[in-house]
C-alpha atoms as a PDB file:
ATOM      1  CA  MET A   1     166.697 139.081 207.544  1.00  0.00           C
ATOM      2  CA  VAL A   2     165.135 139.025 204.054  1.00  0.00           C
ATOM      3  CA  LYS A   3     167.317 141.973 203.013  1.00  0.00           C
ATOM      4  CA  ASN A   4     170.395 140.076 204.171  1.00  0.00           C
ATOM      5  CA  LEU A   5     169.326 136.979 202.251  1.00  0.00           C
ATOM      6  CA  ILE A   6     168.717 138.630 198.869  1.00  0.00           C
ATOM      7  CA  PRO A   7     172.413 139.134 197.975  1.00  0.00           C
ATOM      8  CA  LEU A   8     173.009 135.443 198.690  1.00  0.00           C
ATOM      9  CA  LEU A   9     170.076 134.323 196.554  1.00  0.00           C
ATOM     10  CA  LEU A  10     171.513 136.329 193.685  1.00  0.00           C
ATOM     11  CA  LEU A  11     174.043 133.516 193.415  1.00  0.00           C
ATOM     12  CA  ILE A  12     171.208 131.726 191.605  1.00  0.00           C
ATOM     13  CA  ASP A  13     171.283 132.419 187.858  1.00  0.00           C
ATOM     14  CA  PRO A  14     169.490 135.789 187.311  1.00  0.00           C
ATOM     15  CA  ILE A  15     168.660 134.787 183.731  1.00  0.00           C
ATOM     16  CA  LEU A  16     166.714 131.842 185.128  1.00  0.00           C
ATOM     17  CA  CYS A  17     164.900 133.530 188.007  1.00  0.00           C
ATOM     18  CA  LEU A  18     163.188 136.679 189.205  1.00  0.00           C
ATOM     19  CA  PHE A  19     162.914 137.433 192.929  1.00  0.00           C
ATOM     20  CA  ASN A  20     159.833 138.892 194.624  1.00  0.00           C
ATOM     21  CA  ARG A  21     159.996 139.802 198.307  1.00  0.00           C
ATOM     22  CA  GLY A  22     158.044 141.498 201.054  1.00  0.00           C
ATOM     23  CA  ASP A  23     154.608 139.950 201.735  1.00  0.00           C
ATOM     24  CA  THR A  24     153.728 139.239 198.118  1.00  0.00           C
ATOM     25  CA  MET A  25     150.861 137.104 196.846  1.00  0.00           C
ATOM     26  CA  THR A  26     151.457 134.899 193.823  1.00  0.00           C
ATOM     27  CA  ASN A  27     149.025 134.944 190.916  1.00  0.00           C
ATOM     28  CA  PRO A  28     148.101 131.234 191.235  1.00  0.00           C
ATOM     29  CA  CYS A  29     147.115 131.783 194.875  1.00  0.00           C
ATOM     30  CA  LYS A  30     145.187 134.964 194.057  1.00  0.00           C
ATOM     31  CA  SER A  31     143.215 133.162 191.364  1.00  0.00           C
ATOM     32  CA  LYS A  32     142.101 130.599 193.961  1.00  0.00           C
ATOM     33  CA  GLY A  33     141.130 133.284 196.487  1.00  0.00           C
ATOM     34  CA  LEU A  34     143.951 132.269 198.832  1.00  0.00           C
ATOM     35  CA  LYS A  35     145.513 135.292 200.507  1.00  0.00           C
ATOM     36  CA  PHE A  36     148.879 133.726 201.240  1.00  0.00           C
ATOM     37  CA  LYS A  37     151.433 136.505 201.655  1.00  0.00           C
ATOM     38  CA  LEU A  38     154.902 135.078 201.160  1.00  0.00           C
ATOM     39  CA  ASP A  39     158.032 136.780 202.469  1.00  0.00           C
ATOM     40  CA  LEU A  40     159.855 135.728 199.322  1.00  0.00           C
ATOM     41  CA  HIS A  41     159.091 133.799 196.180  1.00  0.00           C
ATOM     42  CA  ILE A  42     161.091 133.067 193.064  1.00  0.00           C
ATOM     43  CA  VAL A  43     159.542 132.868 189.608  1.00  0.00           C
ATOM     44  CA  VAL A  44     161.191 130.898 186.820  1.00  0.00           C
ATOM     45  CA  LEU A  45     161.835 132.641 183.510  1.00  0.00           C
ATOM     46  CA  ASN A  46     161.993 131.226 180.004  1.00  0.00           C
ATOM     47  CA  ASP A  47     163.111 133.735 177.349  1.00  0.00           C
ATOM     48  CA  LYS A  48     162.398 136.487 179.912  1.00  0.00           C
ATOM     49  CA  GLU A  49     158.817 135.279 180.275  1.00  0.00           C
ATOM     50  CA  VAL A  50     157.499 134.146 183.657  1.00  0.00           C
ATOM     51  CA  VAL A  51     156.557 130.490 183.267  1.00  0.00           C
ATOM     52  CA  VAL A  52     156.150 129.217 186.823  1.00  0.00           C
ATOM     53  CA  ASP A  53     156.220 130.307 190.446  1.00  0.00           C
ATOM     54  CA  GLY A  54     159.172 128.154 191.381  1.00  0.00           C
ATOM     55  CA  MET A  55     159.933 128.588 195.081  1.00  0.00           C
ATOM     56  CA  ALA A  56     158.092 129.872 198.140  1.00  0.00           C
ATOM     57  CA  ALA A  57     160.041 131.060 201.174  1.00  0.00           C
ATOM     58  CA  GLU A  58     159.108 132.249 204.654  1.00  0.00           C
ATOM     59  CA  VAL A  59     161.358 134.114 207.092  1.00  0.00           C
ATOM     60  CA  ALA A  60     161.196 134.512 210.879  1.00  0.00           C
ATOM     61  CA  LYS A  61     163.585 136.144 213.345  1.00  0.00           C
ATOM     62  CA  THR A  62     163.408 133.204 215.753  1.00  0.00           C
ATOM     63  CA  ALA A  63     162.154 129.619 215.680  1.00  0.00           C
ATOM     64  CA  THR A  64     158.934 128.987 217.591  1.00  0.00           C
ATOM     65  CA  LYS A  65     156.684 125.956 217.291  1.00  0.00           C
ATOM     66  CA  HIS A  66     153.581 127.696 216.008  1.00  0.00           C
ATOM     67  CA  LYS A  67     155.446 130.018 213.648  1.00  0.00           C
ATOM     68  CA  LEU A  68     157.376 127.063 212.237  1.00  0.00           C
ATOM     69  CA  TYR A  69     154.273 125.034 211.408  1.00  0.00           C
ATOM     70  CA  GLU A  70     152.244 128.060 210.299  1.00  0.00           C
ATOM     71  CA  ASP A  71     154.889 129.137 207.791  1.00  0.00           C
ATOM     72  CA  LYS A  72     155.516 125.596 206.609  1.00  0.00           C
ATOM     73  CA  LEU A  73     151.805 124.947 206.054  1.00  0.00           C
ATOM     74  CA  LYS A  74     151.351 128.217 204.180  1.00  0.00           C
ATOM     75  CA  SER A  75     154.360 127.552 201.947  1.00  0.00           C
ATOM     76  CA  ILE A  76     153.252 124.002 201.158  1.00  0.00           C
ATOM     77  CA  LEU A  77     149.695 125.041 200.282  1.00  0.00           C
ATOM     78  CA  ALA A  78     150.974 127.928 198.148  1.00  0.00           C
ATOM     79  CA  THR A  79     153.346 125.552 196.354  1.00  0.00           C
ATOM     80  CA  LYS A  80     150.488 123.134 195.783  1.00  0.00           C
ATOM     81  CA  CYS A  81     148.710 125.983 193.956  1.00  0.00           C
ATOM     82  CA  HIS A  82     151.882 126.629 191.965  1.00  0.00           C
ATOM     83  CA  ILE A  83     152.069 122.989 190.872  1.00  0.00           C
ATOM     84  CA  LYS A  84     148.456 122.999 189.717  1.00  0.00           C
ATOM     85  CA  ASN A  85     148.972 126.243 187.818  1.00  0.00           C
ATOM     86  CA  PHE A  86     152.179 124.932 186.226  1.00  0.00           C
ATOM     87  CA  LEU A  87     150.483 121.766 184.990  1.00  0.00           C
ATOM     88  CA  GLU A  88     147.809 123.880 183.307  1.00  0.00           C
ATOM     89  CA  THR A  89     150.520 125.563 181.197  1.00  0.00           C
ATOM     90  CA  VAL A  90     152.239 122.422 179.880  1.00  0.00           C
ATOM     91  CA  PRO A  91     149.792 120.815 177.406  1.00  0.00           C
ATOM     92  CA  TYR A  92     152.038 117.935 176.350  1.00  0.00           C
ATOM     93  CA  ILE A  93     153.554 116.963 179.680  1.00  0.00           C
ATOM     94  CA  THR A  94     153.808 113.232 180.318  1.00  0.00           C
ATOM     95  CA  ALA A  95     153.008 111.290 183.468  1.00  0.00           C
ATOM     96  CA  GLU A  96     156.708 110.516 183.797  1.00  0.00           C
ATOM     97  CA  ASP A  97     157.592 114.218 183.806  1.00  0.00           C
ATOM     98  CA  ILE A  98     154.892 115.020 186.358  1.00  0.00           C
ATOM     99  CA  LYS A  99     156.473 112.486 188.674  1.00  0.00           C
ATOM    100  CA  LYS A 100     159.827 114.242 188.189  1.00  0.00           C
ATOM    101  CA  LEU A 101     158.495 117.659 189.230  1.00  0.00           C
ATOM    102  CA  LYS A 102     160.128 118.966 192.400  1.00  0.00           C
ATOM    103  CA  PHE A 103     159.173 122.381 193.730  1.00  0.00           C
ATOM    104  CA  PRO A 104     161.566 123.781 196.371  1.00  0.00           C
ATOM    105  CA  ILE A 105     160.324 125.437 199.567  1.00  0.00           C
ATOM    106  CA  MET A 106     162.647 127.435 201.813  1.00  0.00           C
ATOM    107  CA  GLN A 107     162.095 128.126 205.513  1.00  0.00           C
ATOM    108  CA  ILE A 108     164.407 130.555 207.305  1.00  0.00           C
ATOM    109  CA  MET A 109     164.261 130.959 211.078  1.00  0.00           C
ATOM    110  CA  GLY A 110     166.980 132.987 212.712  1.00  0.00           C
ATOM    111  CA  MET A 111     170.273 131.789 211.269  1.00  0.00           C
ATOM    112  CA  ASN A 112     168.925 128.405 210.167  1.00  0.00           C
ATOM    113  CA  VAL A 113     167.612 127.451 206.736  1.00  0.00           C
ATOM    114  CA  HIS A 114     165.691 124.322 205.755  1.00  0.00           C
ATOM    115  CA  ILE A 115     164.863 123.445 202.160  1.00  0.00           C
ATOM    116  CA  TYR A 116     161.926 121.133 201.474  1.00  0.00           C
ATOM    117  CA  VAL A 117     160.684 119.683 198.201  1.00  0.00           C
ATOM    118  CA  LEU A 118     157.031 119.197 197.238  1.00  0.00           C
ATOM    119  CA  ARG A 119     156.402 116.592 194.546  1.00  0.00           C
ATOM    120  CA  LEU A 120     153.539 114.680 192.941  1.00  0.00           C
ATOM    121  CA  PRO A 121     154.623 111.022 192.636  1.00  0.00           C
ATOM    122  CA  CYS A 122     151.168 109.760 191.650  1.00  0.00           C
ATOM    123  CA  ARG A 123     147.654 111.033 191.043  1.00  0.00           C
ATOM    124  CA  GLY A 124     146.328 113.168 193.889  1.00  0.00           C
ATOM    125  CA  ILE A 125     149.196 112.313 196.235  1.00  0.00           C
ATOM    126  CA  TYR A 126     151.527 115.118 197.328  1.00  0.00           C
ATOM    127  CA  VAL A 127     154.750 114.350 199.180  1.00  0.00           C
ATOM    128  CA  VAL A 128     157.006 116.736 201.120  1.00  0.00           C
ATOM    129  CA  ASP A 129     160.649 115.671 201.347  1.00  0.00           C
ATOM    130  CA  ASN A 130     163.351 117.142 203.536  1.00  0.00           C
ATOM    131  CA  GLY A 131     165.857 118.373 200.988  1.00  0.00           C
ATOM    132  CA  PHE A 132     168.735 120.174 202.670  1.00  0.00           C
ATOM    133  CA  SER A 133     169.576 122.373 205.644  1.00  0.00           C
ATOM    134  CA  PHE A 134     172.295 124.867 206.484  1.00  0.00           C
ATOM    135  CA  SER A 135     173.017 127.831 208.744  1.00  0.00           C
ATOM    136  CA  PHE A 136     174.305 131.295 208.024  1.00  0.00           C
ATOM    137  CA  PRO A 137     177.912 131.513 209.291  1.00  0.00           C
ATOM    138  CA  CYS A 138     177.894 133.477 212.547  1.00  0.00           C
ATOM    139  CA  ASN A 139     181.561 133.157 213.545  1.00  0.00           C
ATOM    140  CA  MET A 140     184.964 132.488 211.996  1.00  0.00           C
ATOM    141  CA  LYS A 141     184.912 128.838 213.041  1.00  0.00           C
ATOM    142  CA  LEU A 142     181.773 128.143 211.018  1.00  0.00           C
ATOM    143  CA  LEU A 143     182.639 130.413 208.109  1.00  0.00           C
ATOM    144  CA  ARG A 144     184.171 127.724 205.899  1.00  0.00           C
ATOM    145  CA  THR A 145     181.919 124.740 206.605  1.00  0.00           C
ATOM    146  CA  GLU A 146     178.628 126.630 206.660  1.00  0.00           C
ATOM    147  CA  THR A 147     179.512 128.712 203.604  1.00  0.00           C
ATOM    148  CA  GLU A 148     180.089 125.499 201.644  1.00  0.00           C
ATOM    149  CA  LYS A 149     176.734 124.135 202.809  1.00  0.00           C
ATOM    150  CA  LEU A 150     175.037 127.440 201.979  1.00  0.00           C
ATOM    151  CA  ILE A 151     176.368 127.297 198.417  1.00  0.00           C
ATOM    152  CA  ASP A 152     175.323 123.638 198.139  1.00  0.00           C
ATOM    153  CA  GLY A 153     171.821 124.543 199.312  1.00  0.00           C
ATOM    154  CA  LEU A 154     171.423 127.387 196.831  1.00  0.00           C
ATOM    155  CA  SER A 155     172.863 125.179 194.076  1.00  0.00           C
ATOM    156  CA  LEU A 156     170.190 122.597 194.870  1.00  0.00           C
ATOM    157  CA  VAL A 157     167.464 125.231 194.530  1.00  0.00           C
ATOM    158  CA  GLU A 158     168.918 126.440 191.230  1.00  0.00           C
ATOM    159  CA  ALA A 159     169.082 122.890 189.852  1.00  0.00           C
ATOM    160  CA  LEU A 160     165.441 122.246 190.774  1.00  0.00           C
ATOM    161  CA  LEU A 161     164.335 125.491 189.129  1.00  0.00           C
ATOM    162  CA  GLU A 162     166.330 124.646 185.999  1.00  0.00           C
ATOM    163  CA  ASP A 163     164.544 121.288 185.852  1.00  0.00           C
ATOM    164  CA  LEU A 164     161.161 123.057 186.022  1.00  0.00           C
ATOM    165  CA  SER A 165     162.191 125.395 183.202  1.00  0.00           C
ATOM    166  CA  LEU A 166     163.311 122.454 181.054  1.00  0.00           C
ATOM    167  CA  ILE A 167     160.108 120.495 181.627  1.00  0.00           C
ATOM    168  CA  TYR A 168     158.091 123.598 180.746  1.00  0.00           C
ATOM    169  CA  GLU A 169     160.021 124.105 177.511  1.00  0.00           C
ATOM    170  CA  THR A 170     159.838 120.479 176.370  1.00  0.00           C
ATOM    171  CA  SER A 171     156.123 120.169 177.158  1.00  0.00           C
ATOM    172  CA  GLN A 172     154.908 122.941 174.843  1.00  0.00           C
ATOM    173  CA  ILE A 173     155.078 120.959 171.592  1.00  0.00           C
ATOM    174  CA  ASP A 174     153.535 117.624 170.644  1.00  0.00           C
ATOM    175  CA  PRO A 175     156.519 115.212 170.455  1.00  0.00           C
ATOM    176  CA  SER A 176     154.727 112.635 168.326  1.00  0.00           C
ATOM    177  CA  ASP A 177     155.587 112.060 164.644  1.00  0.00           C
ATOM    178  CA  SER A 178     153.033 114.049 162.596  1.00  0.00           C
ATOM    179  CA  ILE A 179     154.127 112.434 159.298  1.00  0.00           C
ATOM    180  CA  LYS A 180     153.638 108.974 160.770  1.00  0.00           C
ATOM    181  CA  ARG A 181     150.153 109.965 161.932  1.00  0.00           C
ATOM    182  CA  VAL A 182     149.208 111.008 158.380  1.00  0.00           C
ATOM    183  CA  VAL A 183     150.629 107.827 156.815  1.00  0.00           C
ATOM    184  CA  GLU A 184     148.919 105.551 159.322  1.00  0.00           C
ATOM    185  CA  GLY A 185     145.753 107.629 159.474  1.00  0.00           C
ATOM    186  CA  SER A 186     145.916 107.775 163.227  1.00  0.00           C
ATOM    187  CA  GLY A 187     144.797 110.676 165.378  1.00  0.00           C
ATOM    188  CA  ARG A 188     146.721 112.732 167.877  1.00  0.00           C
ATOM    189  CA  LYS A 189     147.570 111.069 171.139  1.00  0.00           C
ATOM    190  CA  LYS A 190     145.118 112.089 173.826  1.00  0.00           C
ATOM    191  CA  LYS A 191     146.522 114.672 176.212  1.00  0.00           C
ATOM    192  CA  LEU A 192     147.018 113.808 179.852  1.00  0.00           C
ATOM    193  CA  ASN A 193     144.065 114.556 182.130  1.00  0.00           C
ATOM    194  CA  ILE A 194     145.715 117.043 184.495  1.00  0.00           C
ATOM    195  CA  LYS A 195     142.622 117.311 186.710  1.00  0.00           C
ATOM    196  CA  ALA A 196     143.079 113.653 187.631  1.00  0.00           C
ATOM    197  CA  TRP A 197     146.514 114.444 189.061  1.00  0.00           C
ATOM    198  CA  THR A 198     145.837 117.506 191.201  1.00  0.00           C
ATOM    199  CA  THR A 199     143.510 118.357 194.068  1.00  0.00           C
ATOM    200  CA  GLU A 200     142.133 121.703 195.204  1.00  0.00           C
ATOM    201  CA  VAL A 201     143.595 123.746 198.045  1.00  0.00           C
ATOM    202  CA  PHE A 202     141.316 124.485 200.987  1.00  0.00           C
ATOM    203  CA  TYR A 203     142.279 126.813 203.814  1.00  0.00           C
ATOM    204  CA  ASN A 204     140.299 128.090 206.794  1.00  0.00           C
ATOM    205  CA  ASP A 205     141.092 131.759 207.474  1.00  0.00           C
ATOM    206  CA  ASP A 206     140.142 131.237 211.136  1.00  0.00           C
ATOM    207  CA  TYR A 207     143.358 129.247 211.452  1.00  0.00           C
ATOM    208  CA  ASP A 208     145.347 132.494 211.197  1.00  0.00           C
ATOM    209  CA  THR A 209     143.605 133.871 214.282  1.00  0.00           C
ATOM    210  CA  LEU A 210     144.279 130.648 216.175  1.00  0.00           C
ATOM    211  CA  ILE A 211     147.947 130.814 215.230  1.00  0.00           C
ATOM    212  CA  ASP A 212     148.243 134.445 216.349  1.00  0.00           C
ATOM    213  CA  ASP A 213     146.695 133.645 219.733  1.00  0.00           C
ATOM    214  CA  ASN A 214     148.946 130.632 220.259  1.00  0.00           C
ATOM    215  CA  GLU A 215     151.989 132.640 219.182  1.00  0.00           C
ATOM    216  CA  GLU A 216     151.256 135.237 221.865  1.00  0.00           C
ATOM    217  CA  ASP A 217     150.818 132.523 224.505  1.00  0.00           C
ATOM    218  CA  GLU A 218     154.099 130.925 223.479  1.00  0.00           C
ATOM    219  CA  GLN A 219     155.923 134.264 223.708  1.00  0.00           C
ATOM    220  CA  VAL A 220     154.515 134.821 227.205  1.00  0.00           C
ATOM    221  CA  ASP A 221     155.738 131.362 228.254  1.00  0.00           C
ATOM    222  CA  GLU A 222     159.212 132.158 226.918  1.00  0.00           C
ATOM    223  CA  ASP A 223     159.302 135.455 228.829  1.00  0.00           C
ATOM    224  CA  ILE A 224     158.287 133.694 232.037  1.00  0.00           C
ATOM    225  CA  ASP A 225     161.009 131.078 231.549  1.00  0.00           C
ATOM    226  CA  GLU A 226     163.619 133.791 230.987  1.00  0.00           C
ATOM    227  CA  GLN A 227     162.550 135.629 234.126  1.00  0.00           C
ATOM    228  CA  ALA A 228     162.753 132.408 236.133  1.00  0.00           C
ATOM    229  CA  GLU A 229     166.284 131.780 234.866  1.00  0.00           C
ATOM    230  CA  ASP A 230     167.340 135.325 235.835  1.00  0.00           C
ATOM    231  CA  GLU A 231     166.038 134.814 239.367  1.00  0.00           C
END
């Protein structure tokens, strides 16, 4: 499924983004000792330099309850690491711009795609919004409507990544008037305390084992239901 998705994601501006796929761990997660292996993640480029891990994505052949919540949790926690790492690279970001940050998360199960957005509207509070959903066209009837929604969904992701790139670029230089500071004898404006905005990511590795066990139980239940229907 990931291989089939890559050509579609290339609709997103290649100058803006770089795609990494196949159980990859992002540097922000590695630095925190979190072994989150993502099926796909997109990094945002600025002058060909990687500036932020912009989108996490997980892929599954079919939708099951435990797989859905496992992948969603992993993507959200990984994105939380990405936000913290991003804020450490933008020395002159303002509180207003932090509130504008929106990191996309993509979840693909079967032919269905859901896009979520993780944002930081106030200090220490993370919010996940449902952004957009679409399906891969699987027949001629759905080809037109679902293709339009697919393009809209990818356009949304591209717009969010462009916003991250812009905020990164505009937050590298002190915007205050240096001449005015000299004339008035005032000092530089104190930088924002980023640590007051973010919280650490904690994850219990035992949860993975619990998920695997529950996933097997769920698959057994599905097989039993299918056998009952056949009889």
